[in-house]
PDB file of N, CA and C in Angstrom:
ATOM      1  N   MET A   1      88.546 104.583 126.493  1.00  0.00           N
ATOM      2  CA  MET A   1      90.798 105.194 126.107  1.00  0.00           C
ATOM      3  C   MET A   1      90.373 106.089 125.359  1.00  0.00           C
ATOM      4  N   LYS A   2      88.946 105.458 124.819  1.00  0.00           N
ATOM      5  CA  LYS A   2      89.779 107.315 123.827  1.00  0.00           C
ATOM      6  C   LYS A   2      89.436 108.764 124.578  1.00  0.00           C
ATOM      7  N   LYS A   3      87.971 108.176 126.149  1.00  0.00           N
ATOM      8  CA  LYS A   3      88.167 109.685 126.276  1.00  0.00           C
ATOM      9  C   LYS A   3      89.094 109.798 127.042  1.00  0.00           C
ATOM     10  N   LEU A   4      89.919 108.721 127.653  1.00  0.00           N
ATOM     11  CA  LEU A   4      90.598 108.964 128.982  1.00  0.00           C
ATOM     12  C   LEU A   4      92.245 109.799 127.745  1.00  0.00           C
ATOM     13  N   LEU A   5      92.291 109.458 127.192  1.00  0.00           N
ATOM     14  CA  LEU A   5      93.481 109.434 125.681  1.00  0.00           C
ATOM     15  C   LEU A   5      92.848 111.767 125.307  1.00  0.00           C
ATOM     16  N   PHE A   6      92.029 111.782 125.337  1.00  0.00           N
ATOM     17  CA  PHE A   6      91.484 113.408 124.486  1.00  0.00           C
ATOM     18  C   PHE A   6      90.960 114.233 125.732  1.00  0.00           C
ATOM     19  N   SER A   7      91.386 113.233 127.375  1.00  0.00           N
ATOM     20  CA  SER A   7      91.282 113.999 128.421  1.00  0.00           C
ATOM     21  C   SER A   7      92.631 114.654 128.796  1.00  0.00           C
ATOM     22  N   ALA A   8      93.546 113.490 128.643  1.00  0.00           N
ATOM     23  CA  ALA A   8      94.854 114.050 129.281  1.00  0.00           C
ATOM     24  C   ALA A   8      95.681 114.793 127.794  1.00  0.00           C
ATOM     25  N   ALA A   9      95.031 114.995 126.591  1.00  0.00           N
ATOM     26  CA  ALA A   9      95.544 115.571 125.688  1.00  0.00           C
ATOM     27  C   ALA A   9      95.176 117.259 125.936  1.00  0.00           C
ATOM     28  N   ILE A  10      94.084 117.466 126.602  1.00  0.00           N
ATOM     29  CA  ILE A  10      93.673 118.879 126.670  1.00  0.00           C
ATOM     30  C   ILE A  10      93.971 119.140 128.648  1.00  0.00           C
ATOM     31  N   VAL A  11      94.035 118.642 129.021  1.00  0.00           N
ATOM     32  CA  VAL A  11      95.049 119.151 130.490  1.00  0.00           C
ATOM     33  C   VAL A  11      96.964 119.120 130.154  1.00  0.00           C
ATOM     34  N   ALA A  12      96.914 118.227 129.411  1.00  0.00           N
ATOM     35  CA  ALA A  12      98.585 118.420 128.988  1.00  0.00           C
ATOM     36  C   ALA A  12      98.797 120.330 128.321  1.00  0.00           C
ATOM     37  N   SER A  13      97.651 120.533 127.454  1.00  0.00           N
ATOM     38  CA  SER A  13      97.710 121.664 125.915  1.00  0.00           C
ATOM     39  C   SER A  13      97.929 122.790 127.278  1.00  0.00           C
ATOM     40  N   LEU A  14      96.884 122.718 127.786  1.00  0.00           N
ATOM     41  CA  LEU A  14      96.060 123.502 129.008  1.00  0.00           C
ATOM     42  C   LEU A  14      97.368 123.731 130.013  1.00  0.00           C
ATOM     43  N   ALA A  15      98.008 123.388 129.960  1.00  0.00           N
ATOM     44  CA  ALA A  15      99.281 122.813 130.844  1.00  0.00           C
ATOM     45  C   ALA A  15     100.680 123.674 130.576  1.00  0.00           C
ATOM     46  N   THR A  16     100.101 123.591 128.529  1.00  0.00           N
ATOM     47  CA  THR A  16     101.978 123.925 128.809  1.00  0.00           C
ATOM     48  C   THR A  16     101.620 125.307 128.325  1.00  0.00           C
ATOM     49  N   SER A  17     100.581 125.647 127.624  1.00  0.00           N
ATOM     50  CA  SER A  17      99.745 127.202 127.697  1.00  0.00           C
ATOM     51  C   SER A  17     100.167 127.674 128.550  1.00  0.00           C
ATOM     52  N   GLY A  18     100.003 128.052 129.624  1.00  0.00           N
ATOM     53  CA  GLY A  18     100.641 128.500 131.239  1.00  0.00           C
ATOM     54  C   GLY A  18      99.432 129.832 131.652  1.00  0.00           C
ATOM     55  N   GLY A  19     100.401 131.385 130.678  1.00  0.00           N
ATOM     56  CA  GLY A  19      99.236 132.546 130.744  1.00  0.00           C
ATOM     57  C   GLY A  19      98.912 132.417 129.485  1.00  0.00           C
ATOM     58  N   THR A  20      98.557 134.427 129.270  1.00  0.00           N
ATOM     59  CA  THR A  20      97.717 134.221 128.334  1.00  0.00           C
ATOM     60  C   THR A  20      98.899 134.991 127.194  1.00  0.00           C
ATOM     61  N   ALA A  21      98.754 135.029 126.083  1.00  0.00           N
ATOM     62  CA  ALA A  21      99.562 134.594 125.146  1.00  0.00           C
ATOM     63  C   ALA A  21      99.371 136.275 124.160  1.00  0.00           C
ATOM     64  N   ARG A  22     100.466 136.186 124.108  1.00  0.00           N
ATOM     65  CA  ARG A  22     100.369 137.973 123.586  1.00  0.00           C
ATOM     66  C   ARG A  22     101.109 138.270 122.238  1.00  0.00           C
ATOM     67  N   ALA A  23     100.952 139.480 120.384  1.00  0.00           N
ATOM     68  CA  ALA A  23     101.950 139.016 120.125  1.00  0.00           C
ATOM     69  C   ALA A  23     101.178 140.175 119.398  1.00  0.00           C
ATOM     70  N   ASP A  24     102.530 141.180 119.442  1.00  0.00           N
ATOM     71  CA  ASP A  24     102.092 142.210 117.960  1.00  0.00           C
ATOM     72  C   ASP A  24     102.101 142.393 116.685  1.00  0.00           C
ATOM     73  N   VAL A  25     101.417 141.965 115.867  1.00  0.00           N
ATOM     74  CA  VAL A  25     101.227 141.997 115.305  1.00  0.00           C
ATOM     75  C   VAL A  25     101.717 143.006 113.999  1.00  0.00           C
ATOM     76  N   LEU A  26     102.511 143.720 113.759  1.00  0.00           N
ATOM     77  CA  LEU A  26     103.116 144.482 112.965  1.00  0.00           C
ATOM     78  C   LEU A  26     102.856 144.419 110.636  1.00  0.00           C
ATOM     79  N   ILE A  27     101.752 145.763 110.269  1.00  0.00           N
ATOM     80  CA  ILE A  27     101.485 145.203 108.350  1.00  0.00           C
ATOM     81  C   ILE A  27     102.303 146.480 108.035  1.00  0.00           C
ATOM     82  N   GLY A  28     102.787 146.250 107.068  1.00  0.00           N
ATOM     83  CA  GLY A  28     103.206 147.536 106.323  1.00  0.00           C
ATOM     84  C   GLY A  28     102.861 147.045 105.134  1.00  0.00           C
ATOM     85  N   VAL A  29     102.932 148.393 104.580  1.00  0.00           N
ATOM     86  CA  VAL A  29     101.810 148.623 103.179  1.00  0.00           C
ATOM     87  C   VAL A  29     103.147 149.381 102.478  1.00  0.00           C
ATOM     88  N   ALA A  30     104.112 148.441 101.614  1.00  0.00           N
ATOM     89  CA  ALA A  30     104.447 149.197 100.874  1.00  0.00           C
ATOM     90  C   ALA A  30     104.254 149.492  99.535  1.00  0.00           C
ATOM     91  N   GLY A  31     104.450 151.063  99.074  1.00  0.00           N
ATOM     92  CA  GLY A  31     103.966 151.565  98.054  1.00  0.00           C
ATOM     93  C   GLY A  31     104.570 153.276  97.390  1.00  0.00           C
ATOM     94  N   PRO A  32     104.605 153.777  96.834  1.00  0.00           N
ATOM     95  CA  PRO A  32     105.538 155.018  96.024  1.00  0.00           C
ATOM     96  C   PRO A  32     105.675 155.825  96.810  1.00  0.00           C
ATOM     97  N   VAL A  33     106.052 156.354  96.962  1.00  0.00           N
ATOM     98  CA  VAL A  33     106.514 157.922  97.878  1.00  0.00           C
ATOM     99  C   VAL A  33     106.877 158.849  98.016  1.00  0.00           C
ATOM    100  N   THR A  34     107.302 158.766  96.250  1.00  0.00           N
ATOM    101  CA  THR A  34     107.618 160.214  95.548  1.00  0.00           C
ATOM    102  C   THR A  34     107.027 159.838  93.615  1.00  0.00           C
ATOM    103  N   GLY A  35     107.570 161.079  93.057  1.00  0.00           N
ATOM    104  CA  GLY A  35     106.810 160.704  91.689  1.00  0.00           C
ATOM    105  C   GLY A  35     105.413 161.254  91.306  1.00  0.00           C
ATOM    106  N   PRO A  36     105.096 160.646  90.235  1.00  0.00           N
ATOM    107  CA  PRO A  36     103.880 161.181  89.656  1.00  0.00           C
ATOM    108  C   PRO A  36     102.064 160.177  90.204  1.00  0.00           C
ATOM    109  N   ASN A  37     102.656 158.829  90.507  1.00  0.00           N
ATOM    110  CA  ASN A  37     101.938 158.015  91.235  1.00  0.00           C
ATOM    111  C   ASN A  37     101.837 157.964  93.251  1.00  0.00           C
ATOM    112  N   VAL A  38     101.763 159.100  93.480  1.00  0.00           N
ATOM    113  CA  VAL A  38     101.616 158.602  94.867  1.00  0.00           C
ATOM    114  C   VAL A  38     100.319 159.561  95.434  1.00  0.00           C
ATOM    115  N   ALA A  39      99.654 160.194  94.859  1.00  0.00           N
ATOM    116  CA  ALA A  39      98.208 160.299  94.753  1.00  0.00           C
ATOM    117  C   ALA A  39      97.227 158.747  95.019  1.00  0.00           C
ATOM    118  N   PHE A  40      98.063 157.768  93.847  1.00  0.00           N
ATOM    119  CA  PHE A  40      96.837 157.097  93.622  1.00  0.00           C
ATOM    120  C   PHE A  40      98.000 155.423  94.005  1.00  0.00           C
ATOM    121  N   GLY A  41      99.273 155.193  94.273  1.00  0.00           N
ATOM    122  CA  GLY A  41      99.303 154.654  95.039  1.00  0.00           C
ATOM    123  C   GLY A  41      99.631 153.055  93.372  1.00  0.00           C
ATOM    124  N   ALA A  42      99.340 153.509  93.577  1.00  0.00           N
ATOM    125  CA  ALA A  42     100.231 153.080  91.622  1.00  0.00           C
ATOM    126  C   ALA A  42     101.431 152.306  91.506  1.00  0.00           C
ATOM    127  N   ILE A  43     101.535 150.941  91.731  1.00  0.00           N
ATOM    128  CA  ILE A  43     102.940 150.390  91.315  1.00  0.00           C
ATOM    129  C   ILE A  43     103.280 149.830  89.485  1.00  0.00           C
ATOM    130  N   ASP A  44     104.307 150.691  89.467  1.00  0.00           N
ATOM    131  CA  ASP A  44     104.671 149.453  87.828  1.00  0.00           C
ATOM    132  C   ASP A  44     106.309 149.303  88.048  1.00  0.00           C
ATOM    133  N   ILE A  45     105.663 147.988  87.819  1.00  0.00           N
ATOM    134  CA  ILE A  45     106.662 147.038  88.143  1.00  0.00           C
ATOM    135  C   ILE A  45     107.200 146.352  86.557  1.00  0.00           C
ATOM    136  N   GLU A  46     108.179 146.481  85.942  1.00  0.00           N
ATOM    137  CA  GLU A  46     108.531 145.981  84.466  1.00  0.00           C
ATOM    138  C   GLU A  46     109.002 144.727  85.059  1.00  0.00           C
ATOM    139  N   ARG A  47     108.732 143.642  84.327  1.00  0.00           N
ATOM    140  CA  ARG A  47     108.302 142.630  84.189  1.00  0.00           C
ATOM    141  C   ARG A  47     109.617 141.747  83.605  1.00  0.00           C
ATOM    142  N   ASP A  48     110.163 140.662  83.040  1.00  0.00           N
ATOM    143  CA  ASP A  48     110.573 140.132  82.094  1.00  0.00           C
ATOM    144  C   ASP A  48     110.713 139.231  81.150  1.00  0.00           C
TER     145      ASP A  48
END
């Protein structure tokens, strides 16, 4: 019974996946673009 259930789950997952999946991943980096900290990338955030 467990083997049948496992086999059915595998077949269902393969049937729904169809083709290959592809996604473009964008990675953003925030940092200072002007001022004295540009060369070091230091970000000064004053928090209350």
